[in-house]
Each structure stands twice: as structure tokens, then as C-alpha cells.
C-alpha atoms as a PDB file:
ATOM      1  CA  MET A   1     216.117 133.352 145.973  1.00  0.00           C
ATOM      2  CA  SER A   2     218.162 130.167 146.097  1.00  0.00           C
ATOM      3  CA  LEU A   3     218.534 127.736 143.459  1.00  0.00           C
ATOM      4  CA  PHE A   4     216.636 124.970 145.190  1.00  0.00           C
ATOM      5  CA  LEU A   5     213.743 127.189 145.744  1.00  0.00           C
ATOM      6  CA  GLN A   6     213.664 128.080 141.846  1.00  0.00           C
ATOM      7  CA  VAL A   7     213.958 124.533 140.925  1.00  0.00           C
ATOM      8  CA  GLN A   8     211.256 123.466 143.166  1.00  0.00           C
ATOM      9  CA  VAL A   9     209.203 126.509 141.377  1.00  0.00           C
ATOM     10  CA  ILE A  10     210.068 125.061 137.737  1.00  0.00           C
ATOM     11  CA  ASN A  11     209.178 121.791 138.582  1.00  0.00           C
ATOM     12  CA  ILE A  12     205.844 122.389 140.043  1.00  0.00           C
ATOM     13  CA  LEU A  13     205.141 124.851 136.620  1.00  0.00           C
ATOM     14  CA  ASN A  14     206.094 122.040 134.584  1.00  0.00           C
ATOM     15  CA  ILE A  15     203.978 119.186 136.609  1.00  0.00           C
ATOM     16  CA  THR A  16     200.848 121.881 136.354  1.00  0.00           C
ATOM     17  CA  THR A  17     201.439 122.410 132.626  1.00  0.00           C
ATOM     18  CA  ILE A  18     201.580 118.883 132.250  1.00  0.00           C
ATOM     19  CA  LEU A  19     197.938 117.729 134.189  1.00  0.00           C
ATOM     20  CA  LEU A  20     196.346 121.025 132.684  1.00  0.00           C
ATOM     21  CA  ALA A  21     197.446 119.259 129.182  1.00  0.00           C
ATOM     22  CA  GLY A  22     195.959 115.866 130.667  1.00  0.00           C
ATOM     23  CA  VAL A  23     193.006 117.288 130.983  1.00  0.00           C
ATOM     24  CA  ILE A  24     192.366 119.296 127.923  1.00  0.00           C
ATOM     25  CA  LEU A  25     193.227 116.237 125.870  1.00  0.00           C
ATOM     26  CA  SER A  26     191.189 113.594 128.003  1.00  0.00           C
ATOM     27  CA  THR A  27     188.208 116.388 127.890  1.00  0.00           C
ATOM     28  CA  GLY A  28     188.391 116.487 123.807  1.00  0.00           C
ATOM     29  CA  VAL A  29     189.028 112.645 123.310  1.00  0.00           C
ATOM     30  CA  ASN A  30     185.645 112.175 125.237  1.00  0.00           C
ATOM     31  CA  GLU A  31     183.324 114.830 123.638  1.00  0.00           C
ATOM     32  CA  VAL A  32     184.491 113.383 120.017  1.00  0.00           C
ATOM     33  CA  SER A  33     183.475 109.930 120.930  1.00  0.00           C
ATOM     34  CA  ALA A  34     180.373 111.086 122.337  1.00  0.00           C
ATOM     35  CA  ALA A  35     179.542 112.474 119.071  1.00  0.00           C
ATOM     36  CA  GLU A  36     180.555 109.916 116.850  1.00  0.00           C
ATOM     37  CA  LYS A  37     178.676 107.217 118.783  1.00  0.00           C
ATOM     38  CA  PRO A  38     176.548 105.158 116.786  1.00  0.00           C
ATOM     39  CA  PRO A  39     172.538 104.724 117.402  1.00  0.00           C
ATOM     40  CA  THR A  40     171.536 102.381 119.670  1.00  0.00           C
ATOM     41  CA  ARG A  41     169.125  99.705 118.331  1.00  0.00           C
ATOM     42  CA  LYS A  42     166.253 101.039 120.090  1.00  0.00           C
ATOM     43  CA  GLU A  43     166.985 104.280 118.338  1.00  0.00           C
ATOM     44  CA  LEU A  44     167.103 103.041 114.931  1.00  0.00           C
ATOM     45  CA  CYS A  45     163.867 101.143 116.010  1.00  0.00           C
ATOM     46  CA  VAL A  46     162.298 104.347 116.176  1.00  0.00           C
ATOM     47  CA  SER A  47     164.314 105.661 112.548  1.00  0.00           C
ATOM     48  CA  PHE A  48     163.097 102.597 110.803  1.00  0.00           C
ATOM     49  CA  GLN A  49     159.569 102.561 111.863  1.00  0.00           C
ATOM     50  CA  THR A  50     159.129 106.644 111.132  1.00  0.00           C
ATOM     51  CA  GLN A  51     160.602 105.947 107.588  1.00  0.00           C
ATOM     52  CA  VAL A  52     158.356 102.457 106.577  1.00  0.00           C
ATOM     53  CA  HIS A  53     155.495 104.655 108.085  1.00  0.00           C
ATOM     54  CA  GLN A  54     156.224 107.539 105.594  1.00  0.00           C
ATOM     55  CA  ALA A  55     156.859 105.114 102.780  1.00  0.00           C
ATOM     56  CA  ILE A  56     153.413 103.421 103.220  1.00  0.00           C
ATOM     57  CA  ILE A  57     151.845 107.026 102.931  1.00  0.00           C
ATOM     58  CA  GLU A  58     153.377 107.666  99.899  1.00  0.00           C
ATOM     59  CA  HIS A  59     153.382 104.319  98.366  1.00  0.00           C
ATOM     60  CA  ALA A  60     149.341 103.820 100.138  1.00  0.00           C
ATOM     61  CA  GLU A  61     147.957 103.116  96.391  1.00  0.00           C
ATOM     62  CA  GLY A  62     150.242 100.613  95.279  1.00  0.00           C
ATOM     63  CA  PRO A  63     149.660  96.843  95.356  1.00  0.00           C
ATOM     64  CA  ARG A  64     152.260  96.137  97.946  1.00  0.00           C
ATOM     65  CA  ALA A  65     151.038  98.349 100.782  1.00  0.00           C
ATOM     66  CA  ALA A  66     149.607  95.812 102.419  1.00  0.00           C
ATOM     67  CA  LYS A  67     152.424  93.362 102.587  1.00  0.00           C
ATOM     68  CA  ALA A  68     154.778  96.139 103.808  1.00  0.00           C
ATOM     69  CA  LYS A  69     152.018  96.999 106.506  1.00  0.00           C
ATOM     70  CA  SER A  70     151.912  93.649 107.785  1.00  0.00           C
ATOM     71  CA  LEU A  71     155.885  93.789 107.952  1.00  0.00           C
ATOM     72  CA  GLN A  72     155.479  96.957 109.922  1.00  0.00           C
ATOM     73  CA  LYS A  73     153.326  95.525 112.244  1.00  0.00           C
ATOM     74  CA  LYS A  74     155.778  92.523 112.965  1.00  0.00           C
ATOM     75  CA  ALA A  75     158.420  95.001 113.298  1.00  0.00           C
ATOM     76  CA  ILE A  76     157.061  96.808 115.386  1.00  0.00           C
ATOM     77  CA  ARG A  77     155.922  93.848 117.812  1.00  0.00           C
ATOM     78  CA  PHE A  78     160.249  92.851 117.577  1.00  0.00           C
ATOM     79  CA  CYS A  79     161.177  96.305 118.475  1.00  0.00           C
ATOM     80  CA  ALA A  80     158.816  96.109 121.585  1.00  0.00           C
ATOM     81  CA  SER A  81     159.781  92.701 122.522  1.00  0.00           C
ATOM     82  CA  ASN A  82     163.415  93.329 122.873  1.00  0.00           C
ATOM     83  CA  ARG A  83     164.161  91.782 119.523  1.00  0.00           C
ATOM     84  CA  GLN A  84     165.452  95.013 118.073  1.00  0.00           C
ATOM     85  CA  ALA A  85     167.772  93.272 115.377  1.00  0.00           C
ATOM     86  CA  GLN A  86     165.202  91.266 114.091  1.00  0.00           C
ATOM     87  CA  GLY A  87     162.793  94.701 113.840  1.00  0.00           C
ATOM     88  CA  ILE A  88     165.352  96.436 112.175  1.00  0.00           C
ATOM     89  CA  ARG A  89     165.553  93.616 109.383  1.00  0.00           C
ATOM     90  CA  THR A  90     161.723  93.581 109.070  1.00  0.00           C
ATOM     91  CA  PHE A  91     161.337  97.323 108.983  1.00  0.00           C
ATOM     92  CA  ALA A  92     164.349  97.049 106.252  1.00  0.00           C
ATOM     93  CA  LYS A  93     161.879  94.342 104.039  1.00  0.00           C
ATOM     94  CA  ALA A  94     159.324  96.537 104.379  1.00  0.00           C
ATOM     95  CA  LEU A  95     161.061  99.293 102.870  1.00  0.00           C
ATOM     96  CA  LYS A  96     162.426  96.767 100.179  1.00  0.00           C
ATOM     97  CA  VAL A  97     159.157  95.712  99.520  1.00  0.00           C
ATOM     98  CA  LEU A  98     157.910  99.279  98.568  1.00  0.00           C
ATOM     99  CA  GLY A  99     161.276 100.103  96.378  1.00  0.00           C
ATOM    100  CA  VAL A 100     162.263 102.592  99.018  1.00  0.00           C
ATOM    101  CA  GLN A 101     166.174 102.758  99.871  1.00  0.00           C
ATOM    102  CA  PRO A 102     166.417 103.064 104.117  1.00  0.00           C
ATOM    103  CA  ALA A 103     168.207 106.245 105.021  1.00  0.00           C
ATOM    104  CA  ASN A 104     171.463 105.863 106.363  1.00  0.00           C
ATOM    105  CA  ASN A 105     171.345 106.730 110.304  1.00  0.00           C
END
């Protein structure tokens, strides 16, 4: 095999190795960032709605349950009308009225 041919084979192998490493690195980065993606506001609305519902059930006999139910209905309307940030804040207020700490999402 001539020297020229050997150099070309080595260059092709180096390029292949570099490309393969690039593919592996780019795939790994995408998987990590997808796993660490924060929840959307719609997902937060659903999560907070569940938390408030459970808290109202647990504190149904409490004097603040009526206020919390009112805030829950208001928050549901906000989330349904694409005003998720207001809905999330209102759900948090309802939990606060019941003395419950919102779970981190």
C-alpha cells in the first residue's frame, strides 16, 4: 500500500471518529435537557388543581374551605381561559388559605 493511500485511510478514520463522537455528544445533550425541562404552565395548572382538590377534601370541615373552593373555581376559570399564570397564583392562594404548602413541581 502506498504512503498516499495510507494517509487517506487514516484521514477517513479520523473524520469518521470525529463525526461519531459529535453524534454521541449531541444526542446525550438533548436527552439531558429534555429530562430537565421545567413543566409548562398548563401542566402546573393541572398539578395545582389536584393539590387544591385534595387539600379541600382533607380540610372540608374547616372554616376556610368555602373560601378555598371559591378561589379554586376562580383559578380553574383562569387556567381555562389561557391565563395560566393568574390561575396558578390563585391556586396557591387557595392552598395558603387552607394552610397547605404547595408541592414543588
